[in-house]
């Protein structure tokens, strides 16, 4: 999964060909269009929900996307656990 994520983060762009800032995915998730090579997917990733509105990614690109979705949802859960632990101290 780590290699899929590294490849995803190094190749994914937005619909305008720009790098995507994923610095807040642990608290905000992700909503938007991701492009890998000449393919794209319009997605929404939330802590317990994943919606795909359009997707023409290849199987390999979908594997990278699935790794990203799992990673994002886990990071969001970790953020909530961290906040709960620090507010209970």
Protein backbone atom coordinates (compact mmCIF):
# COMPACT_ATOMS: atom_id res chain seq x y z
CA UNK A 1 0.00 0.00 0.00
CA UNK A 2 2.88 2.39 0.75
CA UNK A 3 4.19 2.17 -2.82
CA UNK A 4 0.69 2.77 -4.19
CA UNK A 5 0.34 5.86 -1.99
CA UNK A 6 3.75 7.22 -2.93
CA UNK A 7 2.95 6.73 -6.61
CA UNK A 8 -0.48 8.32 -6.14
CA UNK A 9 0.88 11.42 -4.39
CA UNK A 10 3.67 11.84 -6.95
CA UNK A 11 1.42 11.56 -10.02
CA UNK A 12 -2.00 12.91 -9.05
CA UNK A 13 -3.05 16.37 -10.25
CA UNK A 14 -6.25 18.39 -10.19
CA UNK A 15 -8.33 18.99 -13.31
CA UNK A 16 -6.14 21.99 -14.20
CA UNK A 17 -2.90 19.98 -14.09
CA UNK A 18 -1.74 21.45 -10.77
CA UNK A 19 -0.50 19.55 -7.72
CA UNK A 20 -3.17 18.97 -5.08
CA UNK A 21 -2.57 20.14 -1.51
CA UNK A 22 -3.45 17.19 0.71
CA UNK A 23 -2.18 18.78 3.94
CA UNK A 24 -5.64 18.91 5.56
CA UNK A 25 -6.99 15.50 4.58
CA UNK A 26 -6.77 14.27 8.18
CA UNK A 27 -9.44 16.79 9.21
CA UNK A 28 -11.29 17.65 6.01
CA UNK A 29 -11.13 14.54 3.83
CA UNK A 30 -11.17 15.25 0.12
CA UNK A 31 -13.81 16.34 -2.37
CA UNK A 32 -12.89 17.00 -5.97
CA UNK A 33 -11.47 15.71 -9.19
CA UNK A 34 -8.20 13.81 -9.23
CA UNK A 35 -6.31 13.16 -12.45
CA UNK A 36 -3.72 10.46 -13.02
CA UNK A 37 -2.11 10.51 -16.45
CA UNK A 38 -4.99 11.04 -18.90
CA UNK A 39 -7.70 9.63 -16.62
CA UNK A 40 -9.77 11.17 -13.85
CA UNK A 41 -12.20 10.50 -11.03
CA UNK A 42 -14.62 12.86 -9.30
CA UNK A 43 -14.66 11.72 -5.67
CA UNK A 44 -15.70 12.56 -2.14
CA UNK A 45 -13.80 10.99 0.77
CA UNK A 46 -15.15 11.44 4.29
CA UNK A 47 -14.36 9.57 7.49
CA UNK A 48 -16.94 6.79 6.95
CA UNK A 49 -18.10 7.52 3.43
CA UNK A 50 -16.66 7.32 -0.05
CA UNK A 51 -18.58 8.50 -3.10
CA UNK A 52 -17.47 8.22 -6.69
CA UNK A 53 -19.35 10.40 -9.14
CA UNK A 54 -17.30 9.71 -12.25
CA UNK A 55 -14.30 7.47 -12.84
CA UNK A 56 -12.40 6.44 -15.95
CA UNK A 57 -9.23 5.33 -14.16
CA UNK A 58 -7.43 2.15 -15.16
CA UNK A 59 -7.28 -0.81 -12.77
CA UNK A 60 -3.79 0.22 -11.64
CA UNK A 61 -4.88 3.82 -11.10
CA UNK A 62 -7.95 2.62 -9.19
CA UNK A 63 -5.64 0.60 -6.93
CA UNK A 64 -3.75 3.81 -6.14
CA UNK A 65 -7.05 5.64 -5.55
CA UNK A 66 -8.27 2.89 -3.20
CA UNK A 67 -5.03 3.12 -1.20
CA UNK A 68 -5.53 6.90 -0.97
CA UNK A 69 -9.14 6.49 0.22
CA UNK A 70 -8.11 3.98 2.92
CA UNK A 71 -5.22 6.20 4.00
CA UNK A 72 -7.40 9.32 4.15
CA UNK A 73 -10.14 7.65 6.18
CA UNK A 74 -7.57 6.19 8.61
CA UNK A 75 -5.89 9.58 9.03
CA UNK A 76 -9.26 11.16 9.81
CA UNK A 77 -9.99 8.49 12.44
CA UNK A 78 -6.53 9.01 13.94
CA UNK A 79 -7.18 12.76 14.14
CA UNK A 80 -10.46 12.21 16.02
CA UNK A 81 -8.77 9.76 18.42
CA UNK A 82 -5.96 12.26 19.02
CA UNK A 83 -8.43 15.07 19.76
CA UNK A 84 -10.43 12.85 22.14
CA UNK A 85 -7.28 11.78 23.97
CA UNK A 86 -5.97 15.32 24.38
CA UNK A 87 -9.31 16.73 25.57
CA UNK A 88 -9.68 13.99 28.19
CA UNK A 89 -6.34 14.79 29.83
